[in-house]
N, C-alpha and C. Protein backbone atom coordinates (compact mmCIF):
# COMPACT_ATOMS: atom_id res chain seq x y z
N MET A 1 74.75 -164.19 -154.51
CA MET A 1 74.72 -163.37 -155.70
C MET A 1 73.34 -163.43 -156.38
N LYS A 2 72.75 -164.63 -156.43
CA LYS A 2 71.44 -164.81 -157.05
C LYS A 2 70.38 -164.01 -156.31
N LYS A 3 70.46 -164.00 -154.96
CA LYS A 3 69.50 -163.23 -154.17
C LYS A 3 69.68 -161.74 -154.42
N PHE A 4 70.91 -161.31 -154.59
CA PHE A 4 71.18 -159.90 -154.85
C PHE A 4 70.56 -159.47 -156.18
N VAL A 5 70.72 -160.28 -157.22
CA VAL A 5 70.18 -159.97 -158.54
C VAL A 5 68.65 -159.94 -158.47
N THR A 6 68.05 -160.92 -157.76
CA THR A 6 66.60 -160.96 -157.62
C THR A 6 66.10 -159.72 -156.89
N ALA A 7 66.76 -159.34 -155.80
CA ALA A 7 66.38 -158.15 -155.03
C ALA A 7 66.52 -156.90 -155.88
N LEU A 8 67.58 -156.83 -156.67
CA LEU A 8 67.80 -155.68 -157.53
C LEU A 8 66.69 -155.57 -158.59
N MET A 9 66.32 -156.71 -159.19
CA MET A 9 65.26 -156.72 -160.19
C MET A 9 63.92 -156.30 -159.58
N LEU A 10 63.61 -156.78 -158.38
CA LEU A 10 62.37 -156.39 -157.71
C LEU A 10 62.35 -154.90 -157.41
N THR A 11 63.50 -154.37 -156.99
CA THR A 11 63.59 -152.94 -156.70
C THR A 11 63.32 -152.12 -157.96
N VAL A 12 63.91 -152.54 -159.08
CA VAL A 12 63.70 -151.83 -160.35
C VAL A 12 62.23 -151.90 -160.76
N ILE A 13 61.61 -153.08 -160.65
CA ILE A 13 60.20 -153.24 -161.03
C ILE A 13 59.31 -152.36 -160.16
N LEU A 14 59.55 -152.34 -158.85
CA LEU A 14 58.76 -151.50 -157.96
C LEU A 14 58.93 -150.01 -158.26
N ALA A 15 60.15 -149.62 -158.60
CA ALA A 15 60.40 -148.22 -158.94
C ALA A 15 59.65 -147.83 -160.22
N VAL A 16 59.63 -148.72 -161.19
CA VAL A 16 58.91 -148.44 -162.44
C VAL A 16 57.41 -148.33 -162.16
N LEU A 17 56.87 -149.26 -161.37
CA LEU A 17 55.44 -149.22 -161.05
C LEU A 17 55.09 -147.98 -160.26
N ALA A 18 55.92 -147.58 -159.33
CA ALA A 18 55.66 -146.37 -158.54
C ALA A 18 55.70 -145.14 -159.43
N GLY A 19 56.56 -145.13 -160.42
CA GLY A 19 56.68 -144.01 -161.34
C GLY A 19 55.46 -143.85 -162.22
N CYS A 20 54.72 -144.92 -162.43
CA CYS A 20 53.53 -144.86 -163.27
C CYS A 20 52.40 -144.11 -162.57
N GLY A 21 52.45 -144.01 -161.28
CA GLY A 21 51.44 -143.25 -160.54
C GLY A 21 50.17 -144.03 -160.27
N GLY A 22 50.04 -145.21 -160.79
CA GLY A 22 48.89 -146.04 -160.50
C GLY A 22 47.65 -145.70 -161.30
N GLY A 23 47.31 -144.43 -161.43
CA GLY A 23 46.10 -144.05 -162.15
C GLY A 23 46.43 -143.42 -163.49
N LYS A 24 45.48 -143.48 -164.38
CA LYS A 24 45.67 -142.91 -165.71
C LYS A 24 44.87 -141.61 -165.78
N GLU A 25 45.56 -140.51 -166.00
CA GLU A 25 44.86 -139.24 -166.15
C GLU A 25 44.37 -139.11 -167.59
N GLU A 26 43.14 -138.73 -167.72
CA GLU A 26 42.56 -138.53 -169.04
C GLU A 26 43.23 -137.33 -169.70
N PRO A 27 43.48 -137.40 -171.01
CA PRO A 27 44.17 -136.29 -171.68
C PRO A 27 43.34 -135.00 -171.73
N VAL A 28 42.05 -135.09 -171.46
CA VAL A 28 41.19 -133.91 -171.54
C VAL A 28 41.18 -133.09 -170.25
N VAL A 29 41.72 -133.64 -169.17
CA VAL A 29 41.73 -132.94 -167.89
C VAL A 29 42.67 -131.74 -167.99
N GLY A 30 42.19 -130.58 -167.56
CA GLY A 30 43.02 -129.38 -167.56
C GLY A 30 42.22 -128.16 -167.95
N LYS A 31 42.93 -127.05 -168.13
CA LYS A 31 42.29 -125.78 -168.50
C LYS A 31 42.46 -125.57 -170.00
N TRP A 32 41.35 -125.28 -170.65
CA TRP A 32 41.29 -125.13 -172.10
C TRP A 32 40.79 -123.74 -172.47
N LYS A 33 41.28 -123.23 -173.59
CA LYS A 33 40.87 -121.90 -174.06
C LYS A 33 40.72 -121.95 -175.58
N MET A 34 39.64 -121.34 -176.09
CA MET A 34 39.44 -121.30 -177.53
C MET A 34 40.54 -120.45 -178.17
N THR A 35 41.19 -121.01 -179.19
CA THR A 35 42.27 -120.30 -179.87
C THR A 35 42.00 -120.10 -181.35
N GLU A 36 41.17 -120.96 -181.94
CA GLU A 36 40.89 -120.87 -183.37
C GLU A 36 39.40 -121.06 -183.60
N ILE A 37 38.96 -120.55 -184.74
CA ILE A 37 37.58 -120.74 -185.13
C ILE A 37 37.56 -121.02 -186.63
N GLU A 38 36.68 -121.92 -187.03
CA GLU A 38 36.53 -122.24 -188.45
C GLU A 38 35.08 -122.04 -188.83
N THR A 39 34.87 -121.26 -189.87
CA THR A 39 33.53 -121.03 -190.37
C THR A 39 33.59 -120.89 -191.89
N MET A 40 32.64 -121.44 -192.55
CA MET A 40 32.56 -121.43 -194.01
C MET A 40 33.86 -121.93 -194.64
N GLY A 41 34.48 -122.94 -194.02
CA GLY A 41 35.68 -123.56 -194.57
C GLY A 41 36.98 -122.82 -194.34
N VAL A 42 36.93 -121.72 -193.58
CA VAL A 42 38.13 -120.93 -193.32
C VAL A 42 38.47 -121.02 -191.83
N LYS A 43 39.72 -121.41 -191.53
CA LYS A 43 40.16 -121.50 -190.14
C LYS A 43 41.14 -120.36 -189.86
N VAL A 44 40.84 -119.58 -188.81
CA VAL A 44 41.70 -118.46 -188.41
C VAL A 44 41.79 -118.42 -186.89
N SER A 45 42.74 -117.64 -186.40
CA SER A 45 42.84 -117.47 -184.95
C SER A 45 41.60 -116.72 -184.47
N LEU A 46 41.28 -116.91 -183.22
CA LEU A 46 40.12 -116.24 -182.64
C LEU A 46 40.28 -114.72 -182.75
N GLU A 47 41.49 -114.23 -182.49
CA GLU A 47 41.73 -112.79 -182.56
C GLU A 47 41.46 -112.25 -183.97
N GLU A 48 41.98 -112.95 -184.99
CA GLU A 48 41.76 -112.51 -186.37
C GLU A 48 40.27 -112.50 -186.73
N PHE A 49 39.58 -113.55 -186.31
CA PHE A 49 38.16 -113.65 -186.63
C PHE A 49 37.38 -112.51 -185.99
N MET A 50 37.60 -112.28 -184.72
CA MET A 50 36.85 -111.24 -184.02
C MET A 50 37.21 -109.85 -184.53
N GLU A 51 38.46 -109.65 -184.90
CA GLU A 51 38.87 -108.38 -185.48
C GLU A 51 38.11 -108.13 -186.79
N SER A 52 37.94 -109.18 -187.60
CA SER A 52 37.21 -109.05 -188.86
C SER A 52 35.72 -108.75 -188.62
N MET A 53 35.23 -109.12 -187.41
CA MET A 53 33.84 -108.86 -187.06
C MET A 53 33.67 -107.51 -186.36
N GLY A 54 34.80 -106.79 -186.17
CA GLY A 54 34.74 -105.47 -185.56
C GLY A 54 34.68 -105.48 -184.05
N THR A 55 35.14 -106.55 -183.43
CA THR A 55 35.14 -106.63 -181.96
C THR A 55 36.42 -107.34 -181.53
N ASP A 56 36.56 -107.57 -180.22
CA ASP A 56 37.77 -108.25 -179.74
C ASP A 56 37.45 -109.66 -179.26
N ALA A 57 38.49 -110.46 -179.14
CA ALA A 57 38.34 -111.88 -178.77
C ALA A 57 37.75 -112.04 -177.38
N GLU A 58 37.95 -111.09 -176.51
CA GLU A 58 37.45 -111.20 -175.14
C GLU A 58 35.92 -111.28 -175.10
N SER A 59 35.25 -110.70 -176.10
CA SER A 59 33.79 -110.70 -176.10
C SER A 59 33.19 -112.08 -176.34
N VAL A 60 33.95 -113.00 -176.90
CA VAL A 60 33.45 -114.36 -177.12
C VAL A 60 34.33 -115.40 -176.44
N LYS A 61 35.06 -114.97 -175.44
CA LYS A 61 35.98 -115.87 -174.74
C LYS A 61 35.28 -117.18 -174.40
N MET A 62 35.95 -118.29 -174.71
CA MET A 62 35.45 -119.61 -174.36
C MET A 62 36.56 -120.35 -173.62
N GLU A 63 36.29 -120.68 -172.35
CA GLU A 63 37.26 -121.39 -171.54
C GLU A 63 36.58 -122.54 -170.80
N LEU A 64 37.31 -123.62 -170.63
CA LEU A 64 36.83 -124.78 -169.88
C LEU A 64 37.88 -125.20 -168.88
N ASP A 65 37.45 -125.58 -167.70
CA ASP A 65 38.33 -126.18 -166.69
C ASP A 65 37.77 -127.56 -166.40
N ILE A 66 38.39 -128.57 -167.01
CA ILE A 66 37.92 -129.95 -166.88
C ILE A 66 38.70 -130.61 -165.74
N LYS A 67 37.96 -131.01 -164.72
CA LYS A 67 38.58 -131.53 -163.50
C LYS A 67 38.57 -133.05 -163.46
N GLU A 68 39.53 -133.61 -162.73
CA GLU A 68 39.67 -135.06 -162.62
C GLU A 68 38.45 -135.74 -162.02
N ASP A 69 37.68 -135.02 -161.21
CA ASP A 69 36.55 -135.63 -160.51
C ASP A 69 35.30 -135.81 -161.38
N GLY A 70 35.43 -135.53 -162.70
CA GLY A 70 34.29 -135.70 -163.59
C GLY A 70 33.40 -134.48 -163.72
N THR A 71 33.84 -133.35 -163.17
CA THR A 71 33.09 -132.11 -163.29
C THR A 71 33.90 -131.11 -164.12
N PHE A 72 33.22 -130.08 -164.60
CA PHE A 72 33.92 -129.01 -165.30
C PHE A 72 33.19 -127.70 -165.04
N SER A 73 33.92 -126.63 -165.23
CA SER A 73 33.31 -125.30 -165.20
C SER A 73 33.77 -124.59 -166.47
N GLY A 74 32.97 -123.64 -166.90
CA GLY A 74 33.33 -122.97 -168.13
C GLY A 74 32.73 -121.60 -168.24
N GLU A 75 33.24 -120.86 -169.23
CA GLU A 75 32.72 -119.54 -169.52
C GLU A 75 32.69 -119.38 -171.03
N VAL A 76 31.57 -118.92 -171.54
CA VAL A 76 31.41 -118.64 -172.96
C VAL A 76 30.75 -117.28 -173.09
N ALA A 77 31.47 -116.34 -173.70
CA ALA A 77 30.95 -114.98 -173.93
C ALA A 77 30.35 -114.37 -172.67
N GLY A 78 31.04 -114.53 -171.54
CA GLY A 78 30.59 -113.94 -170.29
C GLY A 78 29.61 -114.77 -169.48
N GLU A 79 29.05 -115.81 -170.08
CA GLU A 79 28.13 -116.70 -169.38
C GLU A 79 28.92 -117.84 -168.73
N LYS A 80 28.73 -118.02 -167.43
CA LYS A 80 29.45 -119.07 -166.71
C LYS A 80 28.51 -120.22 -166.40
N GLY A 81 29.07 -121.41 -166.35
CA GLY A 81 28.28 -122.59 -166.03
C GLY A 81 29.18 -123.74 -165.63
N ASP A 82 28.55 -124.80 -165.19
CA ASP A 82 29.31 -125.99 -164.84
C ASP A 82 28.47 -127.22 -165.13
N GLY A 83 29.13 -128.35 -165.09
CA GLY A 83 28.45 -129.61 -165.39
C GLY A 83 29.38 -130.79 -165.17
N THR A 84 29.07 -131.87 -165.84
CA THR A 84 29.87 -133.09 -165.72
C THR A 84 30.39 -133.47 -167.11
N TRP A 85 31.37 -134.35 -167.11
CA TRP A 85 31.95 -134.80 -168.37
C TRP A 85 32.27 -136.29 -168.34
N LYS A 86 32.32 -136.87 -169.54
CA LYS A 86 32.76 -138.26 -169.72
C LYS A 86 33.63 -138.28 -170.96
N TYR A 87 34.65 -139.13 -170.94
CA TYR A 87 35.57 -139.21 -172.07
C TYR A 87 35.70 -140.66 -172.52
N LYS A 88 35.44 -140.89 -173.78
CA LYS A 88 35.68 -142.18 -174.42
C LYS A 88 36.36 -141.84 -175.73
N ASP A 89 37.66 -142.11 -175.78
CA ASP A 89 38.51 -141.72 -176.90
C ASP A 89 37.84 -141.96 -178.24
N PRO A 90 37.71 -140.95 -179.07
CA PRO A 90 38.21 -139.57 -178.99
C PRO A 90 37.14 -138.55 -178.58
N THR A 91 36.02 -139.00 -178.00
CA THR A 91 34.89 -138.10 -177.75
C THR A 91 34.79 -137.68 -176.29
N LEU A 92 34.74 -136.37 -176.08
CA LEU A 92 34.49 -135.79 -174.77
C LEU A 92 33.04 -135.31 -174.77
N THR A 93 32.25 -135.81 -173.83
CA THR A 93 30.86 -135.39 -173.72
C THR A 93 30.71 -134.51 -172.49
N LEU A 94 30.28 -133.27 -172.73
CA LEU A 94 30.02 -132.32 -171.65
C LEU A 94 28.52 -132.27 -171.43
N THR A 95 28.10 -132.38 -170.17
CA THR A 95 26.68 -132.36 -169.84
C THR A 95 26.38 -131.18 -168.92
N VAL A 96 25.45 -130.33 -169.37
CA VAL A 96 25.02 -129.17 -168.59
C VAL A 96 23.50 -129.17 -168.58
N ASP A 97 22.93 -129.15 -167.39
CA ASP A 97 21.46 -129.12 -167.24
C ASP A 97 20.78 -130.21 -168.07
N GLY A 98 21.36 -131.40 -168.08
CA GLY A 98 20.77 -132.54 -168.77
C GLY A 98 20.98 -132.56 -170.27
N GLU A 99 21.66 -131.56 -170.83
CA GLU A 99 21.92 -131.52 -172.26
C GLU A 99 23.39 -131.84 -172.52
N ASP A 100 23.62 -132.70 -173.54
CA ASP A 100 24.97 -133.12 -173.89
C ASP A 100 25.51 -132.32 -175.07
N MET A 101 26.81 -132.06 -175.01
CA MET A 101 27.53 -131.44 -176.11
C MET A 101 28.81 -132.26 -176.29
N GLU A 102 29.09 -132.67 -177.52
CA GLU A 102 30.26 -133.51 -177.77
C GLU A 102 31.38 -132.73 -178.42
N CYS A 103 32.60 -133.02 -177.97
CA CYS A 103 33.83 -132.47 -178.54
C CYS A 103 34.68 -133.66 -178.98
N GLU A 104 35.55 -133.41 -179.94
CA GLU A 104 36.50 -134.44 -180.35
C GLU A 104 37.88 -134.04 -179.85
N TYR A 105 38.56 -134.99 -179.17
CA TYR A 105 39.94 -134.76 -178.75
C TYR A 105 40.82 -135.25 -179.89
N LYS A 106 41.55 -134.32 -180.51
CA LYS A 106 42.34 -134.65 -181.70
C LYS A 106 43.63 -133.84 -181.70
N ASP A 107 44.75 -134.53 -181.81
CA ASP A 107 46.07 -133.87 -181.88
C ASP A 107 46.30 -132.92 -180.71
N GLY A 108 45.86 -133.31 -179.52
CA GLY A 108 46.07 -132.49 -178.33
C GLY A 108 45.16 -131.29 -178.23
N LYS A 109 44.11 -131.26 -179.06
CA LYS A 109 43.17 -130.14 -179.04
C LYS A 109 41.75 -130.66 -178.89
N LEU A 110 40.87 -129.81 -178.40
CA LEU A 110 39.44 -130.12 -178.37
C LEU A 110 38.77 -129.40 -179.53
N VAL A 111 38.00 -130.13 -180.31
CA VAL A 111 37.32 -129.57 -181.46
C VAL A 111 35.82 -129.66 -181.21
N LEU A 112 35.16 -128.53 -181.21
CA LEU A 112 33.74 -128.44 -180.87
C LEU A 112 32.98 -127.83 -182.03
N ASN A 113 32.01 -128.57 -182.57
CA ASN A 113 31.14 -128.05 -183.63
C ASN A 113 29.92 -127.41 -182.99
N VAL A 114 29.66 -126.16 -183.32
CA VAL A 114 28.58 -125.40 -182.70
C VAL A 114 27.62 -124.92 -183.79
N GLU A 115 26.33 -125.09 -183.52
CA GLU A 115 25.29 -124.54 -184.39
C GLU A 115 24.48 -123.57 -183.55
N GLU A 116 24.43 -122.33 -184.01
CA GLU A 116 23.77 -121.28 -183.26
C GLU A 116 23.06 -120.34 -184.22
N GLY A 117 21.79 -120.15 -184.04
CA GLY A 117 21.04 -119.21 -184.86
C GLY A 117 21.10 -119.48 -186.35
N GLY A 118 21.09 -120.75 -186.73
CA GLY A 118 21.14 -121.11 -188.14
C GLY A 118 22.52 -121.09 -188.75
N GLN A 119 23.53 -120.73 -187.97
CA GLN A 119 24.90 -120.73 -188.46
C GLN A 119 25.71 -121.76 -187.69
N SER A 120 26.74 -122.27 -188.34
CA SER A 120 27.59 -123.24 -187.65
C SER A 120 29.05 -122.80 -187.75
N PHE A 121 29.79 -123.19 -186.73
CA PHE A 121 31.23 -122.93 -186.75
C PHE A 121 31.90 -124.01 -185.90
N THR A 122 33.20 -124.12 -186.05
CA THR A 122 33.99 -125.06 -185.28
C THR A 122 34.93 -124.26 -184.40
N ALA A 123 34.91 -124.57 -183.10
CA ALA A 123 35.81 -123.92 -182.14
C ALA A 123 36.91 -124.91 -181.79
N VAL A 124 38.15 -124.42 -181.78
CA VAL A 124 39.30 -125.24 -181.41
C VAL A 124 39.82 -124.70 -180.09
N LEU A 125 39.93 -125.59 -179.10
CA LEU A 125 40.42 -125.20 -177.78
C LEU A 125 41.75 -125.90 -177.51
N GLU A 126 42.66 -125.17 -176.86
CA GLU A 126 43.96 -125.72 -176.50
C GLU A 126 44.24 -125.46 -175.03
N LYS A 127 45.12 -126.30 -174.47
CA LYS A 127 45.54 -126.10 -173.08
C LYS A 127 46.52 -124.96 -173.00
C-alpha cells in the first residue's frame, strides 16, 4: 500500500510538472495592434482619434508581431521593419537598426510613448 501511495504521488507530481511546459513564455510574445491613443491628456480609440483628424485608422496602423525567438516585425503607417526585443518586467525594449524604443507592459497592454515632430502621444497596443 505504501508503494502504491508513493507511486501515485510521483505520478501526480510528474503530471503537474509536465503541464507547466518547462519554459516560461514572456507575456509580451504575440501579435499586437494599436487600439487607443492619448494626446494632450485625452485618451480615445484609434478610430475616434483618426476620424477627428479627417482620416481613417488604417492610415496610421501600428502592429507588432513579437516572436519567442527574440525578434519582432512591425508596421507603422505603412512602413514595415523588424528588429530584436528584450523584456524585463515591466519594460519591453524594441531595437531597430541599433536604436532602442521602450514600451511598458501594463494590465495586459503595451504602452508606448512617442515623440514625433515636437509633439508627443501615447499609443496603447493590445493582443
